[in-house]
Full PDB file with SEQRES, HELIX, SHEET, SSBOND, CRYST1, ORIGX, SCALE, CONECT and MASTER records, all heavy atoms in Angstrom:
SEQRES   1 A   35  VAL PHE MET ASN ASP ILE SER ILE LEU SER LEU THR VAL          
SEQRES   2 A   35  SER GLY ILE ARG THR ASN GLN ALA SER LYS LEU ALA SER          
SEQRES   3 A   35  ILE PHE LYS GLN ASN LEU GLU ALA TYR                          
HELIX    1 AA1 ALA A   21  LYS A   23  5                                   3    
HELIX    2 AA2 LEU A   24  ALA A   34  1                                  11    
SHEET    1 AA1 2 PHE A   2  MET A   3  0                                        
SHEET    2 AA1 2 SER A  10  LEU A  11 -1                                        
CRYST1    1.000    1.000    1.000  90.00  90.00  90.00 P 1           1          
ORIGX1      1.000000  0.000000  0.000000        0.00000                         
ORIGX2      0.000000  1.000000  0.000000        0.00000                         
ORIGX3      0.000000  0.000000  1.000000        0.00000                         
SCALE1      1.000000  0.000000  0.000000        0.00000                         
SCALE2      0.000000  1.000000  0.000000        0.00000                         
SCALE3      0.000000  0.000000  1.000000        0.00000                         
ATOM      1  N   VAL A   1     -46.476  -7.812  -5.107  1.00  0.00           N  
ATOM      2  CA  VAL A   1     -47.640  -8.562  -5.571  1.00  0.00           C  
ATOM      3  C   VAL A   1     -48.496  -8.913  -4.361  1.00  0.00           C  
ATOM      4  O   VAL A   1     -48.016  -9.520  -3.398  1.00  0.00           O  
ATOM      5  CB  VAL A   1     -47.229  -9.855  -6.303  1.00  0.00           C  
ATOM      6  CG1 VAL A   1     -48.468 -10.608  -6.778  1.00  0.00           C  
ATOM      7  CG2 VAL A   1     -46.316  -9.540  -7.474  1.00  0.00           C  
ATOM      8  N   PHE A   2     -49.759  -8.520  -4.394  1.00  0.00           N  
ATOM      9  CA  PHE A   2     -50.740  -8.858  -3.355  1.00  0.00           C  
ATOM     10  C   PHE A   2     -51.716  -9.856  -3.964  1.00  0.00           C  
ATOM     11  O   PHE A   2     -52.270  -9.607  -5.036  1.00  0.00           O  
ATOM     12  CB  PHE A   2     -51.504  -7.621  -2.898  1.00  0.00           C  
ATOM     13  CG  PHE A   2     -50.655  -6.546  -2.284  1.00  0.00           C  
ATOM     14  CD1 PHE A   2     -50.013  -5.602  -3.080  1.00  0.00           C  
ATOM     15  CD2 PHE A   2     -50.495  -6.461  -0.906  1.00  0.00           C  
ATOM     16  CE1 PHE A   2     -49.230  -4.596  -2.519  1.00  0.00           C  
ATOM     17  CE2 PHE A   2     -49.724  -5.466  -0.327  1.00  0.00           C  
ATOM     18  CZ  PHE A   2     -49.084  -4.533  -1.136  1.00  0.00           C  
ATOM     19  N   MET A   3     -51.957 -10.964  -3.277  1.00  0.00           N  
ATOM     20  CA  MET A   3     -52.901 -11.957  -3.780  1.00  0.00           C  
ATOM     21  C   MET A   3     -53.900 -12.322  -2.691  1.00  0.00           C  
ATOM     22  O   MET A   3     -53.537 -12.743  -1.599  1.00  0.00           O  
ATOM     23  CB  MET A   3     -52.172 -13.207  -4.270  1.00  0.00           C  
ATOM     24  CG  MET A   3     -53.098 -14.260  -4.859  1.00  0.00           C  
ATOM     25  SD  MET A   3     -52.233 -15.547  -5.798  1.00  0.00           S  
ATOM     26  CE  MET A   3     -51.906 -14.666  -7.354  1.00  0.00           C  
ATOM     27  N   ASN A   4     -55.177 -12.156  -3.021  1.00  0.00           N  
ATOM     28  CA  ASN A   4     -56.243 -12.441  -2.077  1.00  0.00           C  
ATOM     29  C   ASN A   4     -56.372 -13.938  -1.837  1.00  0.00           C  
ATOM     30  O   ASN A   4     -56.389 -14.728  -2.773  1.00  0.00           O  
ATOM     31  CB  ASN A   4     -57.557 -11.867  -2.604  1.00  0.00           C  
ATOM     32  CG  ASN A   4     -58.709 -12.055  -1.649  1.00  0.00           C  
ATOM     33  OD1 ASN A   4     -59.567 -12.899  -1.860  1.00  0.00           O  
ATOM     34  ND2 ASN A   4     -58.744 -11.271  -0.580  1.00  0.00           N  
ATOM     35  N   ASP A   5     -56.510 -14.324  -0.572  1.00  0.00           N  
ATOM     36  CA  ASP A   5     -56.505 -15.743  -0.213  1.00  0.00           C  
ATOM     37  C   ASP A   5     -57.701 -16.504  -0.764  1.00  0.00           C  
ATOM     38  O   ASP A   5     -57.590 -17.676  -1.122  1.00  0.00           O  
ATOM     39  CB  ASP A   5     -56.472 -15.905   1.307  1.00  0.00           C  
ATOM     40  CG  ASP A   5     -55.091 -15.648   1.887  1.00  0.00           C  
ATOM     41  OD1 ASP A   5     -54.207 -15.168   1.146  1.00  0.00           O  
ATOM     42  OD2 ASP A   5     -54.896 -15.913   3.092  1.00  0.00           O  
ATOM     43  N   ILE A   6     -58.853 -15.881  -0.820  1.00  0.00           N  
ATOM     44  CA  ILE A   6     -60.068 -16.611  -1.181  1.00  0.00           C  
ATOM     45  C   ILE A   6     -60.346 -16.601  -2.678  1.00  0.00           C  
ATOM     46  O   ILE A   6     -60.898 -17.553  -3.225  1.00  0.00           O  
ATOM     47  CB  ILE A   6     -61.288 -16.056  -0.403  1.00  0.00           C  
ATOM     48  CG1 ILE A   6     -62.409 -17.094  -0.381  1.00  0.00           C  
ATOM     49  CG2 ILE A   6     -61.797 -14.759  -0.994  1.00  0.00           C  
ATOM     50  CD1 ILE A   6     -63.566 -16.715   0.521  1.00  0.00           C  
ATOM     51  N   SER A   7     -59.951 -15.540  -3.363  1.00  0.00           N  
ATOM     52  CA  SER A   7     -60.320 -15.386  -4.779  1.00  0.00           C  
ATOM     53  C   SER A   7     -59.137 -15.469  -5.735  1.00  0.00           C  
ATOM     54  O   SER A   7     -59.325 -15.595  -6.938  1.00  0.00           O  
ATOM     55  CB  SER A   7     -61.015 -14.038  -4.992  1.00  0.00           C  
ATOM     56  OG  SER A   7     -60.102 -12.978  -4.737  1.00  0.00           O  
ATOM     57  N   ILE A   8     -57.910 -15.343  -5.211  1.00  0.00           N  
ATOM     58  CA  ILE A   8     -56.693 -15.271  -6.008  1.00  0.00           C  
ATOM     59  C   ILE A   8     -56.640 -13.977  -6.832  1.00  0.00           C  
ATOM     60  O   ILE A   8     -55.845 -13.844  -7.758  1.00  0.00           O  
ATOM     61  CB  ILE A   8     -56.519 -16.517  -6.918  1.00  0.00           C  
ATOM     62  CG1 ILE A   8     -56.785 -17.785  -6.120  1.00  0.00           C  
ATOM     63  CG2 ILE A   8     -55.122 -16.636  -7.483  1.00  0.00           C  
ATOM     64  CD1 ILE A   8     -55.875 -17.980  -4.918  1.00  0.00           C  
ATOM     65  N   LEU A   9     -57.501 -13.027  -6.515  1.00  0.00           N  
ATOM     66  CA  LEU A   9     -57.392 -11.699  -7.132  1.00  0.00           C  
ATOM     67  C   LEU A   9     -56.029 -11.131  -6.780  1.00  0.00           C  
ATOM     68  O   LEU A   9     -55.552 -11.298  -5.649  1.00  0.00           O  
ATOM     69  CB  LEU A   9     -58.485 -10.782  -6.594  1.00  0.00           C  
ATOM     70  CG  LEU A   9     -58.611  -9.429  -7.297  1.00  0.00           C  
ATOM     71  CD1 LEU A   9     -59.562  -9.543  -8.495  1.00  0.00           C  
ATOM     72  CD2 LEU A   9     -59.122  -8.357  -6.346  1.00  0.00           C  
ATOM     73  N   SER A  10     -55.399 -10.445  -7.721  1.00  0.00           N  
ATOM     74  CA  SER A  10     -54.054  -9.938  -7.461  1.00  0.00           C  
ATOM     75  C   SER A  10     -53.898  -8.481  -7.883  1.00  0.00           C  
ATOM     76  O   SER A  10     -54.591  -7.999  -8.785  1.00  0.00           O  
ATOM     77  CB  SER A  10     -53.006 -10.786  -8.187  1.00  0.00           C  
ATOM     78  OG  SER A  10     -53.136 -10.649  -9.595  1.00  0.00           O  
ATOM     79  N   LEU A  11     -52.982  -7.815  -7.214  1.00  0.00           N  
ATOM     80  CA  LEU A  11     -52.541  -6.478  -7.573  1.00  0.00           C  
ATOM     81  C   LEU A  11     -51.020  -6.492  -7.639  1.00  0.00           C  
ATOM     82  O   LEU A  11     -50.369  -7.080  -6.775  1.00  0.00           O  
ATOM     83  CB  LEU A  11     -52.979  -5.445  -6.520  1.00  0.00           C  
ATOM     84  CG  LEU A  11     -54.476  -5.241  -6.297  1.00  0.00           C  
ATOM     85  CD1 LEU A  11     -54.693  -4.294  -5.117  1.00  0.00           C  
ATOM     86  CD2 LEU A  11     -55.140  -4.686  -7.547  1.00  0.00           C  
ATOM     87  N   THR A  12     -50.464  -5.862  -8.657  1.00  0.00           N  
ATOM     88  CA  THR A  12     -49.010  -5.771  -8.802  1.00  0.00           C  
ATOM     89  C   THR A  12     -48.653  -4.298  -8.879  1.00  0.00           C  
ATOM     90  O   THR A  12     -48.977  -3.624  -9.858  1.00  0.00           O  
ATOM     91  CB  THR A  12     -48.542  -6.496 -10.078  1.00  0.00           C  
ATOM     92  OG1 THR A  12     -49.004  -7.853 -10.033  1.00  0.00           O  
ATOM     93  CG2 THR A  12     -47.035  -6.491 -10.177  1.00  0.00           C  
ATOM     94  N   VAL A  13     -48.011  -3.791  -7.824  1.00  0.00           N  
ATOM     95  CA  VAL A  13     -47.837  -2.347  -7.705  1.00  0.00           C  
ATOM     96  C   VAL A  13     -46.395  -1.990  -7.360  1.00  0.00           C  
ATOM     97  O   VAL A  13     -45.674  -2.767  -6.732  1.00  0.00           O  
ATOM     98  CB  VAL A  13     -48.776  -1.759  -6.628  1.00  0.00           C  
ATOM     99  CG1 VAL A  13     -50.217  -2.123  -6.918  1.00  0.00           C  
ATOM    100  CG2 VAL A  13     -48.395  -2.253  -5.238  1.00  0.00           C  
ATOM    101  N   SER A  14     -45.997  -0.813  -7.763  1.00  0.00           N  
ATOM    102  CA  SER A  14     -44.690  -0.276  -7.414  1.00  0.00           C  
ATOM    103  C   SER A  14     -44.870   0.811  -6.360  1.00  0.00           C  
ATOM    104  O   SER A  14     -45.994   1.178  -6.016  1.00  0.00           O  
ATOM    105  CB  SER A  14     -43.997   0.279  -8.664  1.00  0.00           C  
ATOM    106  OG  SER A  14     -44.790   1.300  -9.254  1.00  0.00           O  
ATOM    107  N   GLY A  15     -43.763   1.328  -5.857  1.00  0.00           N  
ATOM    108  CA  GLY A  15     -43.837   2.443  -4.913  1.00  0.00           C  
ATOM    109  C   GLY A  15     -43.593   2.076  -3.468  1.00  0.00           C  
ATOM    110  O   GLY A  15     -43.590   2.954  -2.597  1.00  0.00           O  
ATOM    111  N   ILE A  16     -43.393   0.791  -3.182  1.00  0.00           N  
ATOM    112  CA  ILE A  16     -43.094   0.367  -1.812  1.00  0.00           C  
ATOM    113  C   ILE A  16     -41.593   0.112  -1.722  1.00  0.00           C  
ATOM    114  O   ILE A  16     -41.061  -0.798  -2.356  1.00  0.00           O  
ATOM    115  CB  ILE A  16     -43.875  -0.897  -1.418  1.00  0.00           C  
ATOM    116  CG1 ILE A  16     -45.381  -0.646  -1.545  1.00  0.00           C  
ATOM    117  CG2 ILE A  16     -43.523  -1.328   0.005  1.00  0.00           C  
ATOM    118  CD1 ILE A  16     -46.226  -1.894  -1.349  1.00  0.00           C  
ATOM    119  N   ARG A  17     -40.916   0.914  -0.937  1.00  0.00           N  
ATOM    120  CA  ARG A  17     -39.468   0.798  -0.819  1.00  0.00           C  
ATOM    121  C   ARG A  17     -39.084  -0.058   0.376  1.00  0.00           C  
ATOM    122  O   ARG A  17     -39.904  -0.383   1.219  1.00  0.00           O  
ATOM    123  CB  ARG A  17     -38.850   2.201  -0.687  1.00  0.00           C  
ATOM    124  CG  ARG A  17     -39.120   3.103  -1.883  1.00  0.00           C  
ATOM    125  CD  ARG A  17     -38.501   4.469  -1.681  1.00  0.00           C  
ATOM    126  NE  ARG A  17     -38.757   5.352  -2.824  1.00  0.00           N  
ATOM    127  CZ  ARG A  17     -38.355   6.605  -2.885  1.00  0.00           C  
ATOM    128  NH1 ARG A  17     -37.680   7.152  -1.874  1.00  0.00           N  
ATOM    129  NH2 ARG A  17     -38.617   7.334  -3.959  1.00  0.00           N  
ATOM    130  N   THR A  18     -37.805  -0.422   0.415  1.00  0.00           N  
ATOM    131  CA  THR A  18     -37.287  -1.181   1.545  1.00  0.00           C  
ATOM    132  C   THR A  18     -37.522  -0.409   2.845  1.00  0.00           C  
ATOM    133  O   THR A  18     -37.391   0.810   2.877  1.00  0.00           O  
ATOM    134  CB  THR A  18     -35.783  -1.452   1.355  1.00  0.00           C  
ATOM    135  OG1 THR A  18     -35.597  -2.183   0.130  1.00  0.00           O  
ATOM    136  CG2 THR A  18     -35.207  -2.253   2.509  1.00  0.00           C  
ATOM    137  N   ASN A  19     -37.889  -1.133   3.906  1.00  0.00           N  
ATOM    138  CA  ASN A  19     -38.143  -0.567   5.244  1.00  0.00           C  
ATOM    139  C   ASN A  19     -39.398   0.302   5.295  1.00  0.00           C  
ATOM    140  O   ASN A  19     -39.512   1.160   6.173  1.00  0.00           O  
ATOM    141  CB  ASN A  19     -36.940   0.254   5.744  1.00  0.00           C  
ATOM    142  CG  ASN A  19     -35.677  -0.578   5.858  1.00  0.00           C  
ATOM    143  OD1 ASN A  19     -35.738  -1.758   6.202  1.00  0.00           O  
ATOM    144  ND2 ASN A  19     -34.533   0.025   5.571  1.00  0.00           N  
ATOM    145  N   GLN A  20     -40.324   0.103   4.366  1.00  0.00           N  
ATOM    146  CA  GLN A  20     -41.529   0.930   4.350  1.00  0.00           C  
ATOM    147  C   GLN A  20     -42.776   0.136   4.732  1.00  0.00           C  
ATOM    148  O   GLN A  20     -43.837   0.263   4.113  1.00  0.00           O  
ATOM    149  CB  GLN A  20     -41.714   1.587   2.987  1.00  0.00           C  
ATOM    150  CG  GLN A  20     -40.785   2.768   2.746  1.00  0.00           C  
ATOM    151  CD  GLN A  20     -41.224   3.614   1.566  1.00  0.00           C  
ATOM    152  OE1 GLN A  20     -41.830   3.129   0.625  1.00  0.00           O  
ATOM    153  NE2 GLN A  20     -40.906   4.893   1.616  1.00  0.00           N  
ATOM    154  N   ALA A  21     -42.683  -0.660   5.760  1.00  0.00           N  
ATOM    155  CA  ALA A  21     -43.842  -1.420   6.223  1.00  0.00           C  
ATOM    156  C   ALA A  21     -44.989  -0.502   6.614  1.00  0.00           C  
ATOM    157  O   ALA A  21     -46.165  -0.858   6.461  1.00  0.00           O  
ATOM    158  CB  ALA A  21     -43.451  -2.299   7.409  1.00  0.00           C  
ATOM    159  N   SER A  22     -44.661   0.687   7.097  1.00  0.00           N  
ATOM    160  CA  SER A  22     -45.698   1.622   7.537  1.00  0.00           C  
ATOM    161  C   SER A  22     -46.556   2.127   6.387  1.00  0.00           C  
ATOM    162  O   SER A  22     -47.672   2.607   6.602  1.00  0.00           O  
ATOM    163  CB  SER A  22     -45.060   2.813   8.262  1.00  0.00           C  
ATOM    164  OG  SER A  22     -44.193   3.524   7.387  1.00  0.00           O  
ATOM    165  N   LYS A  23     -46.050   2.021   5.157  1.00  0.00           N  
ATOM    166  CA  LYS A  23     -46.784   2.504   3.995  1.00  0.00           C  
ATOM    167  C   LYS A  23     -47.469   1.379   3.219  1.00  0.00           C  
ATOM    168  O   LYS A  23     -48.157   1.638   2.233  1.00  0.00           O  
ATOM    169  CB  LYS A  23     -45.851   3.276   3.060  1.00  0.00           C  
ATOM    170  CG  LYS A  23     -45.310   4.563   3.665  1.00  0.00           C  
ATOM    171  CD  LYS A  23     -44.518   5.364   2.646  1.00  0.00           C  
ATOM    172  CE  LYS A  23     -44.044   6.692   3.239  1.00  0.00           C  
ATOM    173  NZ  LYS A  23     -43.288   7.487   2.238  1.00  0.00           N  
ATOM    174  N   LEU A  24     -47.277   0.154   3.673  1.00  0.00           N  
ATOM    175  CA  LEU A  24     -47.817  -0.987   2.943  1.00  0.00           C  
ATOM    176  C   LEU A  24     -49.333  -0.897   2.785  1.00  0.00           C  
ATOM    177  O   LEU A  24     -49.858  -1.027   1.676  1.00  0.00           O  
ATOM    178  CB  LEU A  24     -47.450  -2.287   3.675  1.00  0.00           C  
ATOM    179  CG  LEU A  24     -47.823  -3.586   2.960  1.00  0.00           C  
ATOM    180  CD1 LEU A  24     -46.952  -3.777   1.726  1.00  0.00           C  
ATOM    181  CD2 LEU A  24     -47.653  -4.774   3.915  1.00  0.00           C  
ATOM    182  N   ALA A  25     -50.033  -0.643   3.876  1.00  0.00           N  
ATOM    183  CA  ALA A  25     -51.498  -0.628   3.848  1.00  0.00           C  
ATOM    184  C   ALA A  25     -52.042   0.513   2.995  1.00  0.00           C  
ATOM    185  O   ALA A  25     -52.985   0.326   2.220  1.00  0.00           O  
ATOM    186  CB  ALA A  25     -52.051  -0.544   5.264  1.00  0.00           C  
ATOM    187  N   SER A  26     -51.461   1.692   3.128  1.00  0.00           N  
ATOM    188  CA  SER A  26     -51.986   2.851   2.397  1.00  0.00           C  
ATOM    189  C   SER A  26     -51.770   2.705   0.895  1.00  0.00           C  
ATOM    190  O   SER A  26     -52.658   3.024   0.094  1.00  0.00           O  
ATOM    191  CB  SER A  26     -51.331   4.141   2.905  1.00  0.00           C  
ATOM    192  OG  SER A  26     -49.929   4.119   2.696  1.00  0.00           O  
ATOM    193  N   ILE A  27     -50.605   2.198   0.486  1.00  0.00           N  
ATOM    194  CA  ILE A  27     -50.349   2.003  -0.944  1.00  0.00           C  
ATOM    195  C   ILE A  27     -51.233   0.897  -1.501  1.00  0.00           C  
ATOM    196  O   ILE A  27     -51.778   1.006  -2.607  1.00  0.00           O  
ATOM    197  CB  ILE A  27     -48.858   1.702  -1.183  1.00  0.00           C  
ATOM    198  CG1 ILE A  27     -48.018   2.944  -0.837  1.00  0.00           C  
ATOM    199  CG2 ILE A  27     -48.607   1.277  -2.626  1.00  0.00           C  
ATOM    200  CD1 ILE A  27     -46.520   2.734  -0.957  1.00  0.00           C  
ATOM    201  N   PHE A  28     -51.410  -0.163  -0.727  1.00  0.00           N  
ATOM    202  CA  PHE A  28     -52.313  -1.235  -1.140  1.00  0.00           C  
ATOM    203  C   PHE A  28     -53.731  -0.705  -1.324  1.00  0.00           C  
ATOM    204  O   PHE A  28     -54.385  -0.968  -2.338  1.00  0.00           O  
ATOM    205  CB  PHE A  28     -52.309  -2.359  -0.099  1.00  0.00           C  
ATOM    206  CG  PHE A  28     -53.442  -3.332  -0.263  1.00  0.00           C  
ATOM    207  CD1 PHE A  28     -53.373  -4.343  -1.209  1.00  0.00           C  
ATOM    208  CD2 PHE A  28     -54.588  -3.225   0.512  1.00  0.00           C  
ATOM    209  CE1 PHE A  28     -54.431  -5.237  -1.370  1.00  0.00           C  
ATOM    210  CE2 PHE A  28     -55.643  -4.114   0.363  1.00  0.00           C  
ATOM    211  CZ  PHE A  28     -55.556  -5.117  -0.577  1.00  0.00           C  
ATOM    212  N   LYS A  29     -54.215   0.040  -0.352  1.00  0.00           N  
ATOM    213  CA  LYS A  29     -55.588   0.538  -0.397  1.00  0.00           C  
ATOM    214  C   LYS A  29     -55.794   1.483  -1.581  1.00  0.00           C  
ATOM    215  O   LYS A  29     -56.825   1.423  -2.266  1.00  0.00           O  
ATOM    216  CB  LYS A  29     -55.929   1.243   0.911  1.00  0.00           C  
ATOM    217  CG  LYS A  29     -57.386   1.653   1.039  1.00  0.00           C  
ATOM    218  CD  LYS A  29     -57.690   2.213   2.422  1.00  0.00           C  
ATOM    219  CE  LYS A  29     -59.145   2.637   2.552  1.00  0.00           C  
ATOM    220  NZ  LYS A  29     -59.452   3.158   3.912  1.00  0.00           N  
ATOM    221  N   GLN A  30     -54.831   2.352  -1.852  1.00  0.00           N  
ATOM    222  CA  GLN A  30     -54.928   3.270  -2.991  1.00  0.00           C  
ATOM    223  C   GLN A  30     -55.035   2.493  -4.299  1.00  0.00           C  
ATOM    224  O   GLN A  30     -55.847   2.819  -5.173  1.00  0.00           O  
ATOM    225  CB  GLN A  30     -53.706   4.186  -3.031  1.00  0.00           C  
ATOM    226  CG  GLN A  30     -53.650   5.208  -1.906  1.00  0.00           C  
ATOM    227  CD  GLN A  30     -52.297   5.895  -1.822  1.00  0.00           C  
ATOM    228  OE1 GLN A  30     -51.442   5.738  -2.709  1.00  0.00           O  
ATOM    229  NE2 GLN A  30     -52.079   6.639  -0.750  1.00  0.00           N  
ATOM    230  N   ASN A  31     -54.226   1.462  -4.436  1.00  0.00           N  
ATOM    231  CA  ASN A  31     -54.222   0.678  -5.668  1.00  0.00           C  
ATOM    232  C   ASN A  31     -55.468  -0.184  -5.792  1.00  0.00           C  
ATOM    233  O   ASN A  31     -55.991  -0.354  -6.897  1.00  0.00           O  
ATOM    234  CB  ASN A  31     -52.954  -0.180  -5.743  1.00  0.00           C  
ATOM    235  CG  ASN A  31     -51.745   0.598  -6.185  1.00  0.00           C  
ATOM    236  OD1 ASN A  31     -51.480   0.731  -7.370  1.00  0.00           O  
ATOM    237  ND2 ASN A  31     -50.994   1.130  -5.233  1.00  0.00           N  
ATOM    238  N   LEU A  32     -55.950  -0.723  -4.681  1.00  0.00           N  
ATOM    239  CA  LEU A  32     -57.178  -1.505  -4.738  1.00  0.00           C  
ATOM    240  C   LEU A  32     -58.360  -0.622  -5.110  1.00  0.00           C  
ATOM    241  O   LEU A  32     -59.197  -1.007  -5.946  1.00  0.00           O  
ATOM    242  CB  LEU A  32     -57.441  -2.190  -3.396  1.00  0.00           C  
ATOM    243  CG  LEU A  32     -58.718  -3.025  -3.322  1.00  0.00           C  
ATOM    244  CD1 LEU A  32     -58.703  -4.153  -4.340  1.00  0.00           C  
ATOM    245  CD2 LEU A  32     -58.912  -3.579  -1.914  1.00  0.00           C  
ATOM    246  N   GLU A  33     -58.438   0.555  -4.524  1.00  0.00           N  
ATOM    247  CA  GLU A  33     -59.526   1.482  -4.845  1.00  0.00           C  
ATOM    248  C   GLU A  33     -59.504   1.843  -6.329  1.00  0.00           C  
ATOM    249  O   GLU A  33     -60.545   1.862  -6.995  1.00  0.00           O  
ATOM    250  CB  GLU A  33     -59.405   2.742  -3.990  1.00  0.00           C  
ATOM    251  CG  GLU A  33     -60.514   3.749  -4.213  1.00  0.00           C  
ATOM    252  CD  GLU A  33     -60.433   4.938  -3.271  1.00  0.00           C  
ATOM    253  OE1 GLU A  33     -59.399   5.097  -2.592  1.00  0.00           O  
ATOM    254  OE2 GLU A  33     -61.411   5.709  -3.215  1.00  0.00           O  
ATOM    255  N   ALA A  34     -58.312   2.115  -6.861  1.00  0.00           N  
ATOM    256  CA  ALA A  34     -58.187   2.464  -8.277  1.00  0.00           C  
ATOM    257  C   ALA A  34     -58.589   1.290  -9.174  1.00  0.00           C  
ATOM    258  O   ALA A  34     -59.270   1.476 -10.191  1.00  0.00           O  
ATOM    259  CB  ALA A  34     -56.757   2.898  -8.576  1.00  0.00           C  
ATOM    260  N   TYR A  35     -58.193   0.094  -8.780  1.00  0.00           N  
ATOM    261  CA  TYR A  35     -58.524  -1.076  -9.597  1.00  0.00           C  
ATOM    262  C   TYR A  35     -60.019  -1.373  -9.584  1.00  0.00           C  
ATOM    263  O   TYR A  35     -60.610  -1.677 -10.624  1.00  0.00           O  
ATOM    264  CB  TYR A  35     -57.745  -2.300  -9.115  1.00  0.00           C  
ATOM    265  CG  TYR A  35     -58.180  -3.570  -9.800  1.00  0.00           C  
ATOM    266  CD1 TYR A  35     -58.058  -3.701 -11.185  1.00  0.00           C  
ATOM    267  CD2 TYR A  35     -58.724  -4.626  -9.083  1.00  0.00           C  
ATOM    268  CE1 TYR A  35     -58.472  -4.854 -11.828  1.00  0.00           C  
ATOM    269  CE2 TYR A  35     -59.143  -5.781  -9.722  1.00  0.00           C  
ATOM    270  CZ  TYR A  35     -59.014  -5.897 -11.092  1.00  0.00           C  
ATOM    271  OH  TYR A  35     -59.436  -7.028 -11.728  1.00  0.00           O  
TER     272      TYR A  35                                                      
MASTER        0    0    0    2    2    0    0    6  271    1    0    3          
END                                                                             
């Protein structure tokens, strides 16, 4: 779950596995763009 600090806008996404910090930004960006 990603929640924006100023607006409380949220995204709830799957696909981020344990130890995958390197993929956090790319998966977030893909889901934000789609939303």
